[in-house]
Amino acid sequence: SQVLDTRDVKVFKVTVNGQDAQFAFGEKHSFKGTPLEITFPNELRRGQEAIVEISFESSPQSSALQWFTPEQTSGKKHPFLFSQCQVEFI
């Protein structure tokens, strides 16, 4: 499984290597946010890569997420979302 920090996001779907994965939110913490635990559909071998895709909606209160407008990116065509948070592997 994998645990991610979240704050004020709605998660609709999670896939791991193209397969649907189960996910659940933990208990909300006052300043750390809410943990999102993703259960992988298949066990991974040590060193095996996984592509985790999360379909979500952010909000203005999503303080750990920041956006660049299209004008701020090198291609100047699309906005760019980035996070200052780190992943914790279990």
PDB file of N, CA and C in Angstrom:
ATOM      1  N   SER A   1       0.832  -1.186   0.000  1.00  0.00           N
ATOM      2  CA  SER A   1       0.000   0.000   0.000  1.00  0.00           C
ATOM      3  C   SER A   1       0.879   1.254   0.000  1.00  0.00           C
ATOM      4  N   GLN A   2       0.259   2.361  -0.256  1.00  0.00           N
ATOM      5  CA  GLN A   2       0.941   3.648  -0.303  1.00  0.00           C
ATOM      6  C   GLN A   2       0.059   4.662   0.405  1.00  0.00           C
ATOM      7  N   VAL A   3       0.669   5.540   1.212  1.00  0.00           N
ATOM      8  CA  VAL A   3      -0.076   6.576   1.913  1.00  0.00           C
ATOM      9  C   VAL A   3       0.397   7.928   1.422  1.00  0.00           C
ATOM     10  N   LEU A   4      -0.559   8.774   1.040  1.00  0.00           N
ATOM     11  CA  LEU A   4      -0.269  10.130   0.589  1.00  0.00           C
ATOM     12  C   LEU A   4      -0.939  11.115   1.530  1.00  0.00           C
ATOM     13  N   ASP A   5      -0.323  12.255   1.722  1.00  0.00           N
ATOM     14  CA  ASP A   5      -0.965  13.336   2.469  1.00  0.00           C
ATOM     15  C   ASP A   5      -1.911  14.067   1.539  1.00  0.00           C
ATOM     16  N   THR A   6      -3.085  14.428   2.041  1.00  0.00           N
ATOM     17  CA  THR A   6      -4.024  15.227   1.263  1.00  0.00           C
ATOM     18  C   THR A   6      -4.589  16.328   2.140  1.00  0.00           C
ATOM     19  N   ARG A   7      -5.091  17.352   1.508  1.00  0.00           N
ATOM     20  CA  ARG A   7      -5.795  18.407   2.234  1.00  0.00           C
ATOM     21  C   ARG A   7      -6.851  18.990   1.301  1.00  0.00           C
ATOM     22  N   ASP A   8      -8.095  18.750   1.676  1.00  0.00           N
ATOM     23  CA  ASP A   8      -9.230  19.321   0.960  1.00  0.00           C
ATOM     24  C   ASP A   8      -9.246  18.984  -0.525  1.00  0.00           C
ATOM     25  N   VAL A   9      -9.086  17.688  -0.838  1.00  0.00           N
ATOM     26  CA  VAL A   9      -9.270  17.213  -2.207  1.00  0.00           C
ATOM     27  C   VAL A   9     -10.332  16.123  -2.202  1.00  0.00           C
ATOM     28  N   LYS A  10     -11.013  15.980  -3.329  1.00  0.00           N
ATOM     29  CA  LYS A  10     -11.955  14.889  -3.534  1.00  0.00           C
ATOM     30  C   LYS A  10     -11.285  13.892  -4.474  1.00  0.00           C
ATOM     31  N   VAL A  11     -11.225  12.641  -4.097  1.00  0.00           N
ATOM     32  CA  VAL A  11     -10.644  11.601  -4.941  1.00  0.00           C
ATOM     33  C   VAL A  11     -11.785  10.762  -5.503  1.00  0.00           C
ATOM     34  N   PHE A  12     -11.778  10.592  -6.829  1.00  0.00           N
ATOM     35  CA  PHE A  12     -12.835   9.857  -7.498  1.00  0.00           C
ATOM     36  C   PHE A  12     -12.421   8.444  -7.874  1.00  0.00           C
ATOM     37  N   LYS A  13     -11.142   8.281  -8.261  1.00  0.00           N
ATOM     38  CA  LYS A  13     -10.686   6.989  -8.752  1.00  0.00           C
ATOM     39  C   LYS A  13      -9.173   6.920  -8.624  1.00  0.00           C
ATOM     40  N   VAL A  14      -8.658   5.701  -8.335  1.00  0.00           N
ATOM     41  CA  VAL A  14      -7.220   5.464  -8.287  1.00  0.00           C
ATOM     42  C   VAL A  14      -6.933   4.204  -9.086  1.00  0.00           C
ATOM     43  N   THR A  15      -5.923   4.263  -9.945  1.00  0.00           N
ATOM     44  CA  THR A  15      -5.472   3.069 -10.645  1.00  0.00           C
ATOM     45  C   THR A  15      -3.979   2.884 -10.398  1.00  0.00           C
ATOM     46  N   VAL A  16      -3.554   1.627 -10.388  1.00  0.00           N
ATOM     47  CA  VAL A  16      -2.143   1.279 -10.272  1.00  0.00           C
ATOM     48  C   VAL A  16      -1.825   0.370 -11.455  1.00  0.00           C
ATOM     49  N   ASN A  17      -0.907   0.807 -12.281  1.00  0.00           N
ATOM     50  CA  ASN A  17      -0.547   0.070 -13.503  1.00  0.00           C
ATOM     51  C   ASN A  17      -1.786  -0.265 -14.335  1.00  0.00           C
ATOM     52  N   GLY A  18      -2.709   0.695 -14.404  1.00  0.00           N
ATOM     53  CA  GLY A  18      -3.900   0.545 -15.232  1.00  0.00           C
ATOM     54  C   GLY A  18      -5.039  -0.225 -14.603  1.00  0.00           C
ATOM     55  N   GLN A  19      -4.864  -0.759 -13.393  1.00  0.00           N
ATOM     56  CA  GLN A  19      -5.924  -1.516 -12.724  1.00  0.00           C
ATOM     57  C   GLN A  19      -6.520  -0.684 -11.590  1.00  0.00           C
ATOM     58  N   ASP A  20      -7.835  -0.793 -11.420  1.00  0.00           N
ATOM     59  CA  ASP A  20      -8.491  -0.076 -10.326  1.00  0.00           C
ATOM     60  C   ASP A  20      -7.890  -0.493  -8.988  1.00  0.00           C
ATOM     61  N   ALA A  21      -7.665   0.483  -8.128  1.00  0.00           N
ATOM     62  CA  ALA A  21      -7.124   0.234  -6.794  1.00  0.00           C
ATOM     63  C   ALA A  21      -8.110   0.739  -5.752  1.00  0.00           C
ATOM     64  N   GLN A  22      -8.166   0.065  -4.619  1.00  0.00           N
ATOM     65  CA  GLN A  22      -8.995   0.533  -3.522  1.00  0.00           C
ATOM     66  C   GLN A  22      -8.269   1.654  -2.807  1.00  0.00           C
ATOM     67  N   PHE A  23      -9.045   2.603  -2.271  1.00  0.00           N
ATOM     68  CA  PHE A  23      -8.448   3.709  -1.526  1.00  0.00           C
ATOM     69  C   PHE A  23      -9.406   4.136  -0.426  1.00  0.00           C
ATOM     70  N   ALA A  24      -8.834   4.711   0.618  1.00  0.00           N
ATOM     71  CA  ALA A  24      -9.649   5.189   1.740  1.00  0.00           C
ATOM     72  C   ALA A  24      -8.928   6.337   2.420  1.00  0.00           C
ATOM     73  N   PHE A  25      -9.699   7.267   2.943  1.00  0.00           N
ATOM     74  CA  PHE A  25      -9.140   8.377   3.706  1.00  0.00           C
ATOM     75  C   PHE A  25      -9.076   7.988   5.171  1.00  0.00           C
ATOM     76  N   GLY A  26      -7.991   8.373   5.834  1.00  0.00           N
ATOM     77  CA  GLY A  26      -7.854   8.167   7.265  1.00  0.00           C
ATOM     78  C   GLY A  26      -8.440   9.339   8.024  1.00  0.00           C
ATOM     79  N   GLU A  27      -8.125   9.405   9.283  1.00  0.00           N
ATOM     80  CA  GLU A  27      -8.641  10.460  10.150  1.00  0.00           C
ATOM     81  C   GLU A  27      -7.941  11.788   9.864  1.00  0.00           C
ATOM     82  N   LYS A  28      -8.727  12.847   9.741  1.00  0.00           N
ATOM     83  CA  LYS A  28      -8.186  14.167   9.454  1.00  0.00           C
ATOM     84  C   LYS A  28      -7.398  14.691  10.653  1.00  0.00           C
ATOM     85  N   HIS A  29      -6.226  15.237  10.369  1.00  0.00           N
ATOM     86  CA  HIS A  29      -5.368  15.832  11.398  1.00  0.00           C
ATOM     87  C   HIS A  29      -5.403  17.343  11.226  1.00  0.00           C
ATOM     88  N   SER A  30      -5.342  18.087  12.318  1.00  0.00           N
ATOM     89  CA  SER A  30      -5.523  19.539  12.262  1.00  0.00           C
ATOM     90  C   SER A  30      -4.535  20.252  11.342  1.00  0.00           C
ATOM     91  N   PHE A  31      -3.257  19.877  11.353  1.00  0.00           N
ATOM     92  CA  PHE A  31      -2.315  20.588  10.479  1.00  0.00           C
ATOM     93  C   PHE A  31      -1.626  19.680   9.462  1.00  0.00           C
ATOM     94  N   LYS A  32      -1.711  18.374   9.616  1.00  0.00           N
ATOM     95  CA  LYS A  32      -1.072  17.466   8.660  1.00  0.00           C
ATOM     96  C   LYS A  32      -1.967  17.141   7.476  1.00  0.00           C
ATOM     97  N   GLY A  33      -3.254  17.348   7.605  1.00  0.00           N
ATOM     98  CA  GLY A  33      -4.166  16.993   6.534  1.00  0.00           C
ATOM     99  C   GLY A  33      -4.792  15.636   6.778  1.00  0.00           C
ATOM    100  N   THR A  34      -5.202  14.979   5.696  1.00  0.00           N
ATOM    101  CA  THR A  34      -5.883  13.689   5.777  1.00  0.00           C
ATOM    102  C   THR A  34      -5.097  12.654   4.979  1.00  0.00           C
ATOM    103  N   PRO A  35      -4.715  11.527   5.601  1.00  0.00           N
ATOM    104  CA  PRO A  35      -3.991  10.508   4.839  1.00  0.00           C
ATOM    105  C   PRO A  35      -4.911   9.799   3.848  1.00  0.00           C
ATOM    106  N   LEU A  36      -4.382   9.532   2.667  1.00  0.00           N
ATOM    107  CA  LEU A  36      -5.073   8.758   1.642  1.00  0.00           C
ATOM    108  C   LEU A  36      -4.290   7.465   1.474  1.00  0.00           C
ATOM    109  N   GLU A  37      -4.891   6.343   1.870  1.00  0.00           N
ATOM    110  CA  GLU A  37      -4.213   5.055   1.735  1.00  0.00           C
ATOM    111  C   GLU A  37      -4.704   4.345   0.490  1.00  0.00           C
ATOM    112  N   ILE A  38      -3.755   3.982  -0.357  1.00  0.00           N
ATOM    113  CA  ILE A  38      -4.048   3.281  -1.604  1.00  0.00           C
ATOM    114  C   ILE A  38      -3.587   1.842  -1.450  1.00  0.00           C
ATOM    115  N   THR A  39      -4.485   0.898  -1.698  1.00  0.00           N
ATOM    116  CA  THR A  39      -4.151  -0.519  -1.657  1.00  0.00           C
ATOM    117  C   THR A  39      -3.921  -0.992  -3.083  1.00  0.00           C
ATOM    118  N   PHE A  40      -2.719  -1.461  -3.358  1.00  0.00           N
ATOM    119  CA  PHE A  40      -2.386  -1.901  -4.713  1.00  0.00           C
ATOM    120  C   PHE A  40      -3.168  -3.167  -5.058  1.00  0.00           C
ATOM    121  N   PRO A  41      -3.662  -3.280  -6.313  1.00  0.00           N
ATOM    122  CA  PRO A  41      -4.439  -4.460  -6.704  1.00  0.00           C
ATOM    123  C   PRO A  41      -3.587  -5.728  -6.769  1.00  0.00           C
ATOM    124  N   ASN A  42      -2.287  -5.578  -6.985  1.00  0.00           N
ATOM    125  CA  ASN A  42      -1.368  -6.712  -7.033  1.00  0.00           C
ATOM    126  C   ASN A  42      -0.135  -6.367  -6.215  1.00  0.00           C
ATOM    127  N   GLU A  43       0.475  -7.386  -5.636  1.00  0.00           N
ATOM    128  CA  GLU A  43       1.695  -7.158  -4.857  1.00  0.00           C
ATOM    129  C   GLU A  43       2.853  -6.845  -5.809  1.00  0.00           C
ATOM    130  N   LEU A  44       3.665  -5.878  -5.426  1.00  0.00           N
ATOM    131  CA  LEU A  44       4.817  -5.507  -6.240  1.00  0.00           C
ATOM    132  C   LEU A  44       6.067  -6.200  -5.724  1.00  0.00           C
ATOM    133  N   ARG A  45       6.952  -6.550  -6.650  1.00  0.00           N
ATOM    134  CA  ARG A  45       8.247  -7.090  -6.270  1.00  0.00           C
ATOM    135  C   ARG A  45       9.182  -5.938  -5.944  1.00  0.00           C
ATOM    136  N   ARG A  46      10.168  -6.183  -5.117  1.00  0.00           N
ATOM    137  CA  ARG A  46      11.142  -5.159  -4.763  1.00  0.00           C
ATOM    138  C   ARG A  46      11.783  -4.606  -6.044  1.00  0.00           C
ATOM    139  N   GLY A  47      11.786  -3.292  -6.167  1.00  0.00           N
ATOM    140  CA  GLY A  47      12.364  -2.639  -7.342  1.00  0.00           C
ATOM    141  C   GLY A  47      11.422  -2.499  -8.521  1.00  0.00           C
ATOM    142  N   GLN A  48      10.243  -3.109  -8.444  1.00  0.00           N
ATOM    143  CA  GLN A  48       9.272  -3.001  -9.534  1.00  0.00           C
ATOM    144  C   GLN A  48       8.649  -1.614  -9.524  1.00  0.00           C
ATOM    145  N   GLU A  49       8.530  -1.017 -10.676  1.00  0.00           N
ATOM    146  CA  GLU A  49       7.916   0.304 -10.782  1.00  0.00           C
ATOM    147  C   GLU A  49       6.404   0.180 -10.855  1.00  0.00           C
ATOM    148  N   ALA A  50       5.725   1.198 -10.364  1.00  0.00           N
ATOM    149  CA  ALA A  50       4.268   1.253 -10.435  1.00  0.00           C
ATOM    150  C   ALA A  50       3.861   2.644 -10.887  1.00  0.00           C
ATOM    151  N   ILE A  51       2.887   2.691 -11.761  1.00  0.00           N
ATOM    152  CA  ILE A  51       2.309   3.964 -12.195  1.00  0.00           C
ATOM    153  C   ILE A  51       0.989   4.127 -11.460  1.00  0.00           C
ATOM    154  N   VAL A  52       0.921   5.129 -10.583  1.00  0.00           N
ATOM    155  CA  VAL A  52      -0.274   5.399  -9.795  1.00  0.00           C
ATOM    156  C   VAL A  52      -0.944   6.634 -10.379  1.00  0.00           C
ATOM    157  N   GLU A  53      -2.201   6.480 -10.805  1.00  0.00           N
ATOM    158  CA  GLU A  53      -2.968   7.596 -11.352  1.00  0.00           C
ATOM    159  C   GLU A  53      -4.144   7.872 -10.425  1.00  0.00           C
ATOM    160  N   ILE A  54      -4.303   9.148 -10.061  1.00  0.00           N
ATOM    161  CA  ILE A  54      -5.361   9.545  -9.146  1.00  0.00           C
ATOM    162  C   ILE A  54      -6.234  10.584  -9.835  1.00  0.00           C
ATOM    163  N   SER A  55      -7.523  10.285  -9.946  1.00  0.00           N
ATOM    164  CA  SER A  55      -8.483  11.238 -10.490  1.00  0.00           C
ATOM    165  C   SER A  55      -9.051  12.009  -9.303  1.00  0.00           C
ATOM    166  N   PHE A  56      -8.800  13.322  -9.276  1.00  0.00           N
ATOM    167  CA  PHE A  56      -9.193  14.100  -8.098  1.00  0.00           C
ATOM    168  C   PHE A  56      -9.626  15.502  -8.502  1.00  0.00           C
ATOM    169  N   GLU A  57     -10.229  16.172  -7.546  1.00  0.00           N
ATOM    170  CA  GLU A  57     -10.628  17.573  -7.701  1.00  0.00           C
ATOM    171  C   GLU A  57     -10.058  18.340  -6.516  1.00  0.00           C
ATOM    172  N   SER A  58      -9.360  19.416  -6.804  1.00  0.00           N
ATOM    173  CA  SER A  58      -8.797  20.233  -5.729  1.00  0.00           C
ATOM    174  C   SER A  58      -9.741  21.384  -5.402  1.00  0.00           C
ATOM    175  N   SER A  59      -9.380  22.135  -4.381  1.00  0.00           N
ATOM    176  CA  SER A  59     -10.166  23.300  -3.991  1.00  0.00           C
ATOM    177  C   SER A  59      -9.203  24.405  -3.571  1.00  0.00           C
ATOM    178  N   PRO A  60      -9.676  25.622  -3.426  1.00  0.00           N
ATOM    179  CA  PRO A  60      -8.782  26.699  -2.967  1.00  0.00           C
ATOM    180  C   PRO A  60      -8.167  26.420  -1.596  1.00  0.00           C
ATOM    181  N   GLN A  61      -8.794  25.555  -0.796  1.00  0.00           N
ATOM    182  CA  GLN A  61      -8.260  25.212   0.519  1.00  0.00           C
ATOM    183  C   GLN A  61      -7.173  24.142   0.441  1.00  0.00           C
ATOM    184  N   SER A  62      -6.926  23.579  -0.732  1.00  0.00           N
ATOM    185  CA  SER A  62      -5.905  22.537  -0.915  1.00  0.00           C
ATOM    186  C   SER A  62      -4.519  23.172  -0.838  1.00  0.00           C
ATOM    187  N   SER A  63      -4.082  23.464   0.372  1.00  0.00           N
ATOM    188  CA  SER A  63      -2.887  24.286   0.571  1.00  0.00           C
ATOM    189  C   SER A  63      -1.600  23.653   0.089  1.00  0.00           C
ATOM    190  N   ALA A  64      -1.520  22.340  -0.009  1.00  0.00           N
ATOM    191  CA  ALA A  64      -0.279  21.704  -0.447  1.00  0.00           C
ATOM    192  C   ALA A  64      -0.159  21.648  -1.964  1.00  0.00           C
ATOM    193  N   LEU A  65      -1.215  22.029  -2.667  1.00  0.00           N
ATOM    194  CA  LEU A  65      -1.197  22.023  -4.125  1.00  0.00           C
ATOM    195  C   LEU A  65      -1.043  23.446  -4.642  1.00  0.00           C
ATOM    196  N   GLN A  66      -0.201  23.579  -5.629  1.00  0.00           N
ATOM    197  CA  GLN A  66       0.006  24.894  -6.227  1.00  0.00           C
ATOM    198  C   GLN A  66      -0.062  24.775  -7.744  1.00  0.00           C
ATOM    199  N   TRP A  67      -0.539  25.819  -8.370  1.00  0.00           N
ATOM    200  CA  TRP A  67      -0.724  25.829  -9.820  1.00  0.00           C
ATOM    201  C   TRP A  67       0.148  26.896 -10.466  1.00  0.00           C
ATOM    202  N   PHE A  68       0.695  26.561 -11.619  1.00  0.00           N
ATOM    203  CA  PHE A  68       1.274  27.558 -12.519  1.00  0.00           C
ATOM    204  C   PHE A  68       0.236  27.795 -13.610  1.00  0.00           C
ATOM    205  N   THR A  69       0.032  29.034 -13.976  1.00  0.00           N
ATOM    206  CA  THR A  69      -0.845  29.334 -15.104  1.00  0.00           C
ATOM    207  C   THR A  69      -0.116  28.921 -16.384  1.00  0.00           C
ATOM    208  N   PRO A  70      -0.845  28.766 -17.501  1.00  0.00           N
ATOM    209  CA  PRO A  70      -0.160  28.408 -18.750  1.00  0.00           C
ATOM    210  C   PRO A  70       0.991  29.363 -19.084  1.00  0.00           C
ATOM    211  N   GLU A  71       0.820  30.637 -18.784  1.00  0.00           N
ATOM    212  CA  GLU A  71       1.852  31.626 -19.099  1.00  0.00           C
ATOM    213  C   GLU A  71       3.128  31.411 -18.287  1.00  0.00           C
ATOM    214  N   GLN A  72       3.020  30.744 -17.139  1.00  0.00           N
ATOM    215  CA  GLN A  72       4.180  30.505 -16.291  1.00  0.00           C
ATOM    216  C   GLN A  72       4.952  29.240 -16.667  1.00  0.00           C
ATOM    217  N   THR A  73       4.428  28.450 -17.607  1.00  0.00           N
ATOM    218  CA  THR A  73       5.091  27.205 -17.998  1.00  0.00           C
ATOM    219  C   THR A  73       5.943  27.407 -19.236  1.00  0.00           C
ATOM    220  N   SER A  74       6.834  26.462 -19.497  1.00  0.00           N
ATOM    221  CA  SER A  74       7.729  26.600 -20.654  1.00  0.00           C
ATOM    222  C   SER A  74       6.967  26.517 -21.976  1.00  0.00           C
ATOM    223  N   GLY A  75       5.918  25.672 -22.044  1.00  0.00           N
ATOM    224  CA  GLY A  75       5.151  25.544 -23.286  1.00  0.00           C
ATOM    225  C   GLY A  75       4.096  26.612 -23.468  1.00  0.00           C
ATOM    226  N   LYS A  76       3.732  27.304 -22.390  1.00  0.00           N
ATOM    227  CA  LYS A  76       2.758  28.398 -22.400  1.00  0.00           C
ATOM    228  C   LYS A  76       1.367  27.988 -22.887  1.00  0.00           C
ATOM    229  N   LYS A  77       1.056  26.656 -22.874  1.00  0.00           N
ATOM    230  CA  LYS A  77      -0.242  26.196 -23.369  1.00  0.00           C
ATOM    231  C   LYS A  77      -1.136  25.607 -22.289  1.00  0.00           C
ATOM    232  N   HIS A  78      -0.541  24.958 -21.272  1.00  0.00           N
ATOM    233  CA  HIS A  78      -1.324  24.241 -20.271  1.00  0.00           C
ATOM    234  C   HIS A  78      -0.909  24.667 -18.866  1.00  0.00           C
ATOM    235  N   PRO A  79      -1.853  24.660 -17.920  1.00  0.00           N
ATOM    236  CA  PRO A  79      -1.473  24.920 -16.526  1.00  0.00           C
ATOM    237  C   PRO A  79      -0.679  23.730 -15.993  1.00  0.00           C
ATOM    238  N   PHE A  80       0.028  23.934 -14.884  1.00  0.00           N
ATOM    239  CA  PHE A  80       0.848  22.880 -14.287  1.00  0.00           C
ATOM    240  C   PHE A  80       0.568  22.813 -12.799  1.00  0.00           C
ATOM    241  N   LEU A  81       0.247  21.621 -12.300  1.00  0.00           N
ATOM    242  CA  LEU A  81      -0.032  21.400 -10.884  1.00  0.00           C
ATOM    243  C   LEU A  81       1.168  20.721 -10.244  1.00  0.00           C
ATOM    244  N   PHE A  82       1.579  21.191  -9.076  1.00  0.00           N
ATOM    245  CA  PHE A  82       2.647  20.501  -8.351  1.00  0.00           C
ATOM    246  C   PHE A  82       2.336  20.506  -6.865  1.00  0.00           C
ATOM    247  N   SER A  83       2.996  19.589  -6.171  1.00  0.00           N
ATOM    248  CA  SER A  83       2.774  19.395  -4.744  1.00  0.00           C
ATOM    249  C   SER A  83       4.091  19.503  -4.005  1.00  0.00           C
ATOM    250  N   GLN A  84       4.047  20.030  -2.812  1.00  0.00           N
ATOM    251  CA  GLN A  84       5.235  20.143  -1.979  1.00  0.00           C
ATOM    252  C   GLN A  84       5.327  18.970  -1.008  1.00  0.00           C
ATOM    253  N   CYS A  85       4.417  18.023  -1.112  1.00  0.00           N
ATOM    254  CA  CYS A  85       4.368  16.910  -0.163  1.00  0.00           C
ATOM    255  C   CYS A  85       5.248  15.755  -0.636  1.00  0.00           C
ATOM    256  N   GLN A  86       5.532  14.827   0.271  1.00  0.00           N
ATOM    257  CA  GLN A  86       6.335  13.659  -0.050  1.00  0.00           C
ATOM    258  C   GLN A  86       5.515  12.397   0.185  1.00  0.00           C
ATOM    259  N   VAL A  87       5.882  11.339  -0.539  1.00  0.00           N
ATOM    260  CA  VAL A  87       5.214  10.062  -0.429  1.00  0.00           C
ATOM    261  C   VAL A  87       5.824   9.252   0.710  1.00  0.00           C
ATOM    262  N   GLU A  88       4.971   8.512   1.424  1.00  0.00           N
ATOM    263  CA  GLU A  88       5.431   7.603   2.462  1.00  0.00           C
ATOM    264  C   GLU A  88       5.046   6.190   2.029  1.00  0.00           C
ATOM    265  N   PHE A  89       6.023   5.318   1.868  1.00  0.00           N
ATOM    266  CA  PHE A  89       5.745   3.932   1.495  1.00  0.00           C
ATOM    267  C   PHE A  89       5.655   3.076   2.744  1.00  0.00           C
ATOM    268  N   ILE A  90       4.673   2.174   2.749  1.00  0.00           N
ATOM    269  CA  ILE A  90       4.483   1.271   3.882  1.00  0.00           C
ATOM    270  C   ILE A  90       4.869  -0.126   3.465  1.00  0.00           C
TER     271      ILE A  90
END
